[in-house]
């Protein structure tokens, strides 16, 4: 019996020993903390890149409406602004954007369909129903915008 108690003494000593517990706790917590930290940095970069892209597109739209600049010049400016922010490992990687300029009379018109009389109450325009041709192209459109640059007071 005494021999068995003597053999258990080191085990009891290990269970009450607290030295090194911080290292074990750090080994458990560190990967989770680092993963959360990387996620915060990744989301931060995503928000930054989105803001730069939005600013570049707005700058291109402003340039298109206020100046007589060719589309290729505007596209190159936007592409250069975005490529300065987006990291690319391979120099041959092509990041480019195509522009399909549409202009509106005001912000309230953006992505709005033309008004129509829904005589059969199905919630969509049918060929037999009347509509207000706001963009003057003589056909019903789900977007009242017109192709092109527009003028100084238009929204591009």
N, C-alpha and C. Protein backbone atom coordinates (compact mmCIF):
# COMPACT_ATOMS: atom_id res chain seq x y z
N UNK A 1 0.82 -1.18 0.00
CA UNK A 1 0.00 0.00 0.00
C UNK A 1 0.87 1.26 0.00
N UNK A 2 1.87 1.27 0.83
CA UNK A 2 2.76 2.43 0.88
C UNK A 2 3.50 2.56 -0.43
N UNK A 3 3.86 1.43 -1.02
CA UNK A 3 4.55 1.46 -2.31
C UNK A 3 3.66 2.07 -3.39
N UNK A 4 2.38 1.76 -3.37
CA UNK A 4 1.44 2.31 -4.35
C UNK A 4 1.27 3.81 -4.15
N UNK A 5 1.24 4.28 -2.89
CA UNK A 5 1.12 5.71 -2.62
C UNK A 5 2.37 6.45 -3.08
N UNK A 6 3.55 5.81 -2.89
CA UNK A 6 4.78 6.43 -3.34
C UNK A 6 4.81 6.58 -4.86
N UNK A 7 4.21 5.63 -5.55
CA UNK A 7 4.16 5.73 -7.01
C UNK A 7 3.19 6.80 -7.48
N UNK A 8 2.14 7.09 -6.71
CA UNK A 8 1.16 8.11 -7.08
C UNK A 8 1.61 9.52 -6.74
N UNK A 9 2.63 9.65 -5.88
CA UNK A 9 3.08 10.97 -5.47
C UNK A 9 3.51 11.83 -6.67
N UNK A 10 4.27 11.35 -7.65
CA UNK A 10 4.60 12.20 -8.81
C UNK A 10 3.37 12.60 -9.61
N UNK A 11 2.39 11.71 -9.71
CA UNK A 11 1.17 12.04 -10.45
C UNK A 11 0.41 13.15 -9.74
N UNK A 12 0.33 13.06 -8.38
CA UNK A 12 -0.33 14.13 -7.62
C UNK A 12 0.43 15.44 -7.79
N UNK A 13 1.74 15.34 -7.80
CA UNK A 13 2.56 16.55 -7.98
C UNK A 13 2.30 17.19 -9.35
N UNK A 14 2.13 16.37 -10.39
CA UNK A 14 1.86 16.92 -11.73
C UNK A 14 0.48 17.57 -11.81
N UNK A 15 -0.50 17.00 -11.15
CA UNK A 15 -1.84 17.57 -11.22
C UNK A 15 -1.94 18.91 -10.49
N UNK A 16 -1.11 19.13 -9.50
CA UNK A 16 -1.15 20.40 -8.77
C UNK A 16 -0.14 21.41 -9.32
N UNK A 17 0.74 20.99 -10.22
CA UNK A 17 1.76 21.88 -10.77
C UNK A 17 1.13 22.76 -11.85
N UNK A 18 1.27 24.08 -11.69
CA UNK A 18 0.67 25.03 -12.63
C UNK A 18 1.72 25.69 -13.54
N UNK A 19 2.96 25.38 -13.40
CA UNK A 19 3.98 25.99 -14.25
C UNK A 19 3.84 25.45 -15.66
N UNK A 20 3.89 26.35 -16.62
CA UNK A 20 3.75 25.95 -18.02
C UNK A 20 2.32 25.98 -18.52
N UNK A 21 1.37 26.30 -17.65
CA UNK A 21 -0.03 26.32 -18.09
C UNK A 21 -0.29 27.48 -19.06
N UNK A 22 0.44 28.58 -18.91
CA UNK A 22 0.26 29.72 -19.82
C UNK A 22 0.66 29.35 -21.24
N UNK A 23 1.71 28.53 -21.36
CA UNK A 23 2.15 28.11 -22.69
C UNK A 23 1.08 27.24 -23.35
N UNK A 24 0.49 26.36 -22.59
CA UNK A 24 -0.56 25.49 -23.13
C UNK A 24 -1.78 26.31 -23.51
N UNK A 25 -2.17 27.27 -22.67
CA UNK A 25 -3.32 28.12 -22.98
C UNK A 25 -3.04 28.96 -24.22
N UNK A 26 -1.82 29.48 -24.32
CA UNK A 26 -1.46 30.26 -25.51
C UNK A 26 -1.51 29.39 -26.77
N UNK A 27 -1.08 28.15 -26.67
CA UNK A 27 -1.11 27.25 -27.82
C UNK A 27 -2.54 26.97 -28.27
N UNK A 28 -3.47 27.04 -27.34
CA UNK A 28 -4.88 26.81 -27.70
C UNK A 28 -5.51 28.08 -28.26
N UNK A 29 -5.19 29.23 -27.67
CA UNK A 29 -5.84 30.48 -28.04
C UNK A 29 -5.19 31.14 -29.26
N UNK A 30 -3.89 31.01 -29.44
CA UNK A 30 -3.16 31.72 -30.49
C UNK A 30 -3.70 31.45 -31.90
N UNK A 31 -3.95 30.21 -32.31
CA UNK A 31 -4.47 30.01 -33.68
C UNK A 31 -5.81 30.70 -33.92
N UNK A 32 -6.68 30.66 -32.93
CA UNK A 32 -7.99 31.30 -33.08
C UNK A 32 -7.81 32.82 -33.18
N UNK A 33 -6.97 33.37 -32.31
CA UNK A 33 -6.71 34.81 -32.34
C UNK A 33 -6.08 35.23 -33.67
N UNK A 34 -5.12 34.49 -34.15
CA UNK A 34 -4.47 34.83 -35.41
C UNK A 34 -5.43 34.72 -36.59
N UNK A 35 -6.30 33.72 -36.57
CA UNK A 35 -7.30 33.59 -37.64
C UNK A 35 -8.25 34.78 -37.64
N UNK A 36 -8.69 35.20 -36.45
CA UNK A 36 -9.58 36.36 -36.37
C UNK A 36 -8.85 37.63 -36.82
N UNK A 37 -7.60 37.77 -36.46
CA UNK A 37 -6.82 38.93 -36.86
C UNK A 37 -6.65 38.97 -38.38
N UNK A 38 -6.37 37.83 -38.99
CA UNK A 38 -6.23 37.78 -40.45
C UNK A 38 -7.57 38.09 -41.13
N UNK A 39 -8.67 37.63 -40.54
CA UNK A 39 -9.98 37.93 -41.11
C UNK A 39 -10.26 39.43 -41.06
N UNK A 40 -9.89 40.09 -39.97
CA UNK A 40 -10.09 41.53 -39.87
C UNK A 40 -9.26 42.26 -40.93
N UNK A 41 -8.01 41.86 -41.11
CA UNK A 41 -7.17 42.49 -42.13
C UNK A 41 -7.73 42.25 -43.53
N UNK A 42 -8.23 41.05 -43.79
CA UNK A 42 -8.77 40.71 -45.10
C UNK A 42 -10.02 41.54 -45.40
N UNK A 43 -10.91 41.65 -44.43
CA UNK A 43 -12.13 42.44 -44.63
C UNK A 43 -11.76 43.92 -44.80
N UNK A 44 -10.79 44.38 -44.03
CA UNK A 44 -10.34 45.77 -44.17
C UNK A 44 -9.81 46.06 -45.55
N UNK A 45 -9.01 45.15 -46.10
CA UNK A 45 -8.49 45.34 -47.45
C UNK A 45 -9.62 45.29 -48.47
N UNK A 46 -10.59 44.41 -48.27
CA UNK A 46 -11.73 44.32 -49.18
C UNK A 46 -12.50 45.63 -49.21
N UNK A 47 -12.73 46.22 -48.05
CA UNK A 47 -13.44 47.50 -47.99
C UNK A 47 -12.62 48.59 -48.67
N UNK A 48 -11.31 48.59 -48.44
CA UNK A 48 -10.43 49.58 -49.06
C UNK A 48 -10.44 49.44 -50.59
N UNK A 49 -10.31 48.20 -51.08
CA UNK A 49 -10.29 47.97 -52.53
C UNK A 49 -11.63 48.37 -53.15
N UNK A 50 -12.72 48.09 -52.47
CA UNK A 50 -14.03 48.47 -52.99
C UNK A 50 -14.16 49.99 -53.06
N UNK A 51 -13.65 50.68 -52.05
CA UNK A 51 -13.70 52.15 -52.05
C UNK A 51 -12.87 52.73 -53.18
N UNK A 52 -11.70 52.15 -53.42
CA UNK A 52 -10.85 52.64 -54.51
C UNK A 52 -11.54 52.39 -55.85
N UNK A 53 -12.12 51.21 -56.03
CA UNK A 53 -12.82 50.91 -57.27
C UNK A 53 -13.99 51.86 -57.48
N UNK A 54 -14.77 52.10 -56.42
CA UNK A 54 -15.91 53.02 -56.53
C UNK A 54 -15.43 54.42 -56.89
N UNK A 55 -14.36 54.86 -56.25
CA UNK A 55 -13.83 56.19 -56.56
C UNK A 55 -13.31 56.29 -57.98
N UNK A 56 -12.66 55.23 -58.46
CA UNK A 56 -12.14 55.23 -59.82
C UNK A 56 -13.27 55.28 -60.84
N UNK A 57 -14.33 54.53 -60.59
CA UNK A 57 -15.48 54.51 -61.51
C UNK A 57 -16.18 55.87 -61.50
N UNK A 58 -16.34 56.45 -60.30
CA UNK A 58 -16.97 57.77 -60.22
C UNK A 58 -16.12 58.83 -60.92
N UNK A 59 -14.80 58.73 -60.76
CA UNK A 59 -13.91 59.66 -61.45
C UNK A 59 -14.02 59.50 -62.96
N UNK A 60 -14.11 58.26 -63.42
CA UNK A 60 -14.28 58.02 -64.85
C UNK A 60 -15.60 58.57 -65.37
N UNK A 61 -16.67 58.39 -64.59
CA UNK A 61 -17.97 58.91 -65.00
C UNK A 61 -17.96 60.44 -65.02
N UNK A 62 -17.34 61.04 -64.03
CA UNK A 62 -17.24 62.50 -63.99
C UNK A 62 -16.45 63.02 -65.18
N UNK A 63 -15.34 62.36 -65.47
CA UNK A 63 -14.52 62.77 -66.61
C UNK A 63 -15.29 62.62 -67.91
N UNK A 64 -16.06 61.56 -68.02
CA UNK A 64 -16.81 61.31 -69.24
C UNK A 64 -17.87 62.38 -69.49
N UNK A 65 -18.48 62.89 -68.43
CA UNK A 65 -19.55 63.87 -68.63
C UNK A 65 -19.04 65.30 -68.74
N UNK A 66 -17.91 65.60 -68.12
CA UNK A 66 -17.45 66.98 -68.09
C UNK A 66 -16.41 67.31 -69.14
N UNK A 67 -15.70 66.31 -69.59
CA UNK A 67 -14.62 66.56 -70.54
C UNK A 67 -14.86 65.79 -71.83
N UNK A 68 -14.22 66.21 -72.87
CA UNK A 68 -14.34 65.52 -74.15
C UNK A 68 -13.17 64.54 -74.28
N UNK A 69 -13.17 63.51 -73.43
CA UNK A 69 -12.09 62.54 -73.38
C UNK A 69 -12.54 61.25 -74.05
N UNK A 70 -11.63 60.58 -74.74
CA UNK A 70 -11.97 59.32 -75.38
C UNK A 70 -12.15 58.23 -74.32
N UNK A 71 -12.99 57.25 -74.64
CA UNK A 71 -13.27 56.16 -73.69
C UNK A 71 -12.02 55.36 -73.37
N UNK A 72 -11.14 55.19 -74.33
CA UNK A 72 -9.93 54.41 -74.06
C UNK A 72 -9.07 55.09 -73.00
N UNK A 73 -9.03 56.40 -73.01
CA UNK A 73 -8.26 57.14 -72.00
C UNK A 73 -8.90 56.99 -70.62
N UNK A 74 -10.21 57.08 -70.57
CA UNK A 74 -10.92 56.92 -69.29
C UNK A 74 -10.73 55.50 -68.76
N UNK A 75 -10.88 54.51 -69.63
CA UNK A 75 -10.69 53.11 -69.22
C UNK A 75 -9.29 52.89 -68.68
N UNK A 76 -8.29 53.46 -69.35
CA UNK A 76 -6.91 53.29 -68.91
C UNK A 76 -6.69 53.93 -67.54
N UNK A 77 -7.29 55.09 -67.31
CA UNK A 77 -7.16 55.75 -66.00
C UNK A 77 -7.78 54.91 -64.89
N UNK A 78 -8.97 54.40 -65.12
CA UNK A 78 -9.64 53.57 -64.11
C UNK A 78 -8.84 52.28 -63.87
N UNK A 79 -8.40 51.65 -64.94
CA UNK A 79 -7.61 50.43 -64.79
C UNK A 79 -6.32 50.67 -64.00
N UNK A 80 -5.64 51.78 -64.28
CA UNK A 80 -4.40 52.08 -63.56
C UNK A 80 -4.65 52.33 -62.08
N UNK A 81 -5.75 53.02 -61.75
CA UNK A 81 -6.07 53.27 -60.35
C UNK A 81 -6.36 51.97 -59.61
N UNK A 82 -7.11 51.07 -60.24
CA UNK A 82 -7.46 49.81 -59.60
C UNK A 82 -6.24 48.90 -59.49
N UNK A 83 -5.44 48.85 -60.55
CA UNK A 83 -4.27 47.97 -60.53
C UNK A 83 -3.22 48.44 -59.52
N UNK A 84 -3.23 49.71 -59.16
CA UNK A 84 -2.29 50.18 -58.14
C UNK A 84 -2.66 49.68 -56.76
N UNK A 85 -3.87 49.22 -56.57
CA UNK A 85 -4.34 48.75 -55.27
C UNK A 85 -4.39 47.23 -55.19
N UNK A 86 -4.83 46.58 -56.26
CA UNK A 86 -5.00 45.13 -56.26
C UNK A 86 -3.64 44.47 -56.44
N UNK A 87 -3.22 43.63 -55.49
CA UNK A 87 -1.92 42.96 -55.65
C UNK A 87 -2.01 41.83 -56.69
N UNK A 88 -1.07 41.83 -57.61
CA UNK A 88 -1.02 40.81 -58.64
C UNK A 88 0.37 40.18 -58.62
N UNK A 89 0.44 38.86 -58.40
CA UNK A 89 1.73 38.18 -58.35
C UNK A 89 2.36 38.06 -59.74
N UNK A 90 1.54 37.79 -60.72
CA UNK A 90 2.01 37.59 -62.08
C UNK A 90 1.85 38.89 -62.87
N UNK A 91 2.93 39.41 -63.40
CA UNK A 91 2.88 40.68 -64.13
C UNK A 91 2.04 40.59 -65.40
N UNK A 92 1.83 39.38 -65.91
CA UNK A 92 1.05 39.22 -67.14
C UNK A 92 -0.45 39.17 -66.87
N UNK A 93 -0.84 39.17 -65.61
CA UNK A 93 -2.26 39.15 -65.27
C UNK A 93 -2.88 40.47 -65.70
N UNK A 94 -3.97 40.38 -66.43
CA UNK A 94 -4.63 41.57 -66.95
C UNK A 94 -5.90 41.83 -66.14
N UNK A 95 -5.90 42.95 -65.44
CA UNK A 95 -7.11 43.38 -64.74
C UNK A 95 -7.66 44.53 -65.57
N UNK A 96 -8.84 44.33 -66.12
CA UNK A 96 -9.41 45.39 -66.94
C UNK A 96 -10.92 45.43 -66.75
N UNK A 97 -11.48 46.55 -67.10
CA UNK A 97 -12.91 46.76 -66.97
C UNK A 97 -13.44 47.27 -68.28
N UNK A 98 -14.63 46.84 -68.62
CA UNK A 98 -15.30 47.34 -69.80
C UNK A 98 -16.38 48.30 -69.35
N UNK A 99 -16.51 49.40 -70.05
CA UNK A 99 -17.48 50.40 -69.71
C UNK A 99 -18.66 50.32 -70.66
N UNK A 100 -19.82 50.38 -70.09
CA UNK A 100 -21.05 50.44 -70.85
C UNK A 100 -21.80 51.66 -70.33
N UNK A 101 -21.43 52.85 -70.80
CA UNK A 101 -21.97 54.07 -70.21
C UNK A 101 -23.45 54.24 -70.48
N UNK A 102 -24.16 54.56 -69.43
CA UNK A 102 -25.59 54.85 -69.50
C UNK A 102 -25.83 56.12 -68.71
N UNK A 103 -26.64 57.00 -69.21
CA UNK A 103 -26.91 58.23 -68.46
C UNK A 103 -28.40 58.36 -68.17
N UNK A 104 -28.66 59.07 -67.07
CA UNK A 104 -30.02 59.28 -66.57
C UNK A 104 -30.22 60.76 -66.31
N UNK A 105 -31.46 61.18 -66.30
CA UNK A 105 -31.78 62.57 -66.02
C UNK A 105 -31.49 62.95 -64.58
N UNK A 106 -31.71 62.02 -63.64
CA UNK A 106 -31.41 62.27 -62.24
C UNK A 106 -31.21 60.93 -61.52
N UNK A 107 -30.77 60.99 -60.28
CA UNK A 107 -30.48 59.77 -59.53
C UNK A 107 -31.71 58.91 -59.29
N UNK A 108 -32.86 59.52 -59.21
CA UNK A 108 -34.09 58.76 -58.96
C UNK A 108 -34.44 57.83 -60.12
N UNK A 109 -33.92 58.11 -61.31
CA UNK A 109 -34.24 57.29 -62.48
C UNK A 109 -33.34 56.06 -62.64
N UNK A 110 -32.26 55.98 -61.88
CA UNK A 110 -31.28 54.92 -62.08
C UNK A 110 -31.93 53.56 -61.82
N UNK A 111 -31.83 52.69 -62.81
CA UNK A 111 -32.31 51.30 -62.76
C UNK A 111 -33.81 51.19 -62.54
N UNK A 112 -34.56 52.21 -62.88
CA UNK A 112 -36.02 52.13 -62.77
C UNK A 112 -36.62 51.81 -64.14
N UNK A 113 -37.66 50.98 -64.16
CA UNK A 113 -38.34 50.70 -65.44
C UNK A 113 -39.25 51.85 -65.83
N UNK A 114 -39.65 51.86 -67.07
CA UNK A 114 -40.61 52.86 -67.52
C UNK A 114 -41.98 52.54 -66.92
N UNK A 115 -42.74 53.59 -66.68
CA UNK A 115 -44.08 53.42 -66.12
C UNK A 115 -45.00 52.81 -67.17
N UNK A 116 -45.93 51.96 -66.71
CA UNK A 116 -46.89 51.35 -67.63
C UNK A 116 -48.21 51.14 -66.91
N UNK A 117 -49.25 50.96 -67.71
CA UNK A 117 -50.57 50.69 -67.17
C UNK A 117 -50.75 49.18 -67.10
N UNK A 118 -50.84 48.66 -65.90
CA UNK A 118 -50.94 47.21 -65.70
C UNK A 118 -52.42 46.82 -65.74
N UNK A 119 -52.97 46.71 -66.93
CA UNK A 119 -54.41 46.47 -67.08
C UNK A 119 -54.85 45.08 -66.64
N UNK A 120 -53.97 44.09 -66.71
CA UNK A 120 -54.36 42.74 -66.27
C UNK A 120 -53.83 42.42 -64.88
N UNK A 121 -53.21 43.36 -64.19
CA UNK A 121 -52.75 43.25 -62.80
C UNK A 121 -51.82 42.06 -62.56
N UNK A 122 -50.94 41.78 -63.53
CA UNK A 122 -50.00 40.67 -63.32
C UNK A 122 -48.63 41.17 -62.84
N UNK A 123 -48.45 42.48 -62.67
CA UNK A 123 -47.22 43.02 -62.13
C UNK A 123 -46.09 43.17 -63.12
N UNK A 124 -46.35 42.92 -64.40
CA UNK A 124 -45.31 43.07 -65.41
C UNK A 124 -45.92 43.64 -66.69
N UNK A 125 -45.06 44.28 -67.49
CA UNK A 125 -45.54 44.88 -68.71
C UNK A 125 -45.79 43.82 -69.76
N UNK A 126 -46.93 43.91 -70.42
CA UNK A 126 -47.27 43.02 -71.53
C UNK A 126 -47.36 43.87 -72.80
N UNK A 127 -47.20 43.25 -73.94
CA UNK A 127 -47.14 43.97 -75.22
C UNK A 127 -48.40 44.76 -75.51
N UNK A 128 -49.53 44.41 -74.94
CA UNK A 128 -50.78 45.11 -75.21
C UNK A 128 -51.02 46.29 -74.27
N UNK A 129 -50.13 46.50 -73.30
CA UNK A 129 -50.34 47.54 -72.30
C UNK A 129 -49.60 48.83 -72.68
N UNK A 130 -50.19 49.95 -72.31
CA UNK A 130 -49.59 51.26 -72.60
C UNK A 130 -48.44 51.52 -71.63
N UNK A 131 -47.44 52.30 -72.10
CA UNK A 131 -46.31 52.67 -71.23
C UNK A 131 -45.87 54.08 -71.57
N UNK A 132 -45.16 54.68 -70.65
CA UNK A 132 -44.62 56.02 -70.84
C UNK A 132 -43.19 55.86 -71.36
N UNK A 133 -42.95 56.28 -72.58
CA UNK A 133 -41.63 56.13 -73.20
C UNK A 133 -40.73 57.27 -72.75
N UNK A 134 -40.13 57.13 -71.57
CA UNK A 134 -39.36 58.22 -70.96
C UNK A 134 -38.03 58.46 -71.67
N UNK A 135 -37.47 57.44 -72.30
CA UNK A 135 -36.19 57.66 -72.96
C UNK A 135 -36.34 57.84 -74.48
N UNK A 136 -37.55 57.82 -74.98
CA UNK A 136 -37.81 58.16 -76.37
C UNK A 136 -37.35 57.16 -77.42
N UNK A 137 -37.20 55.89 -77.04
CA UNK A 137 -36.74 54.91 -78.03
C UNK A 137 -37.90 54.08 -78.62
N UNK A 138 -39.11 54.43 -78.28
CA UNK A 138 -40.33 53.81 -78.81
C UNK A 138 -40.48 52.33 -78.46
N UNK A 139 -39.87 51.90 -77.38
CA UNK A 139 -40.07 50.54 -76.88
C UNK A 139 -40.00 50.56 -75.36
N UNK A 140 -40.67 49.59 -74.73
CA UNK A 140 -40.67 49.52 -73.28
C UNK A 140 -39.30 49.04 -72.79
N UNK A 141 -38.76 49.70 -71.77
CA UNK A 141 -37.46 49.33 -71.21
C UNK A 141 -37.57 49.13 -69.71
N UNK A 142 -36.83 48.17 -69.21
CA UNK A 142 -36.79 47.96 -67.76
C UNK A 142 -35.81 48.91 -67.09
N UNK A 143 -35.10 49.69 -67.90
CA UNK A 143 -34.18 50.70 -67.40
C UNK A 143 -34.31 51.92 -68.31
N UNK A 144 -34.62 53.08 -67.75
CA UNK A 144 -34.88 54.26 -68.56
C UNK A 144 -33.62 54.98 -69.02
N UNK A 145 -32.46 54.47 -68.67
CA UNK A 145 -31.21 55.10 -69.06
C UNK A 145 -30.97 55.03 -70.55
N UNK A 146 -30.19 56.00 -71.03
CA UNK A 146 -29.81 56.05 -72.44
C UNK A 146 -28.32 55.80 -72.58
N UNK A 147 -27.93 55.15 -73.65
CA UNK A 147 -26.51 54.85 -73.88
C UNK A 147 -25.78 56.13 -74.24
N UNK A 148 -24.57 56.25 -73.71
CA UNK A 148 -23.72 57.38 -74.05
C UNK A 148 -23.28 58.17 -72.83
N UNK A 149 -22.70 59.33 -73.09
CA UNK A 149 -22.11 60.16 -72.04
C UNK A 149 -23.12 61.04 -71.33
N UNK A 150 -24.14 61.48 -72.03
CA UNK A 150 -25.06 62.42 -71.45
C UNK A 150 -24.49 63.81 -71.45
N UNK A 151 -25.05 64.67 -70.63
CA UNK A 151 -24.59 66.04 -70.54
C UNK A 151 -24.08 66.36 -69.15
N UNK A 152 -23.80 67.63 -68.91
CA UNK A 152 -23.22 68.04 -67.64
C UNK A 152 -24.18 67.85 -66.47
N UNK A 153 -25.47 67.89 -66.72
CA UNK A 153 -26.45 67.73 -65.63
C UNK A 153 -26.96 66.30 -65.50
N UNK A 154 -26.49 65.40 -66.32
CA UNK A 154 -26.97 64.01 -66.29
C UNK A 154 -26.13 63.15 -65.34
N UNK A 155 -26.75 62.06 -64.91
CA UNK A 155 -26.07 61.09 -64.07
C UNK A 155 -25.59 59.96 -64.96
N UNK A 156 -24.27 59.69 -64.95
CA UNK A 156 -23.71 58.65 -65.81
C UNK A 156 -23.50 57.39 -65.00
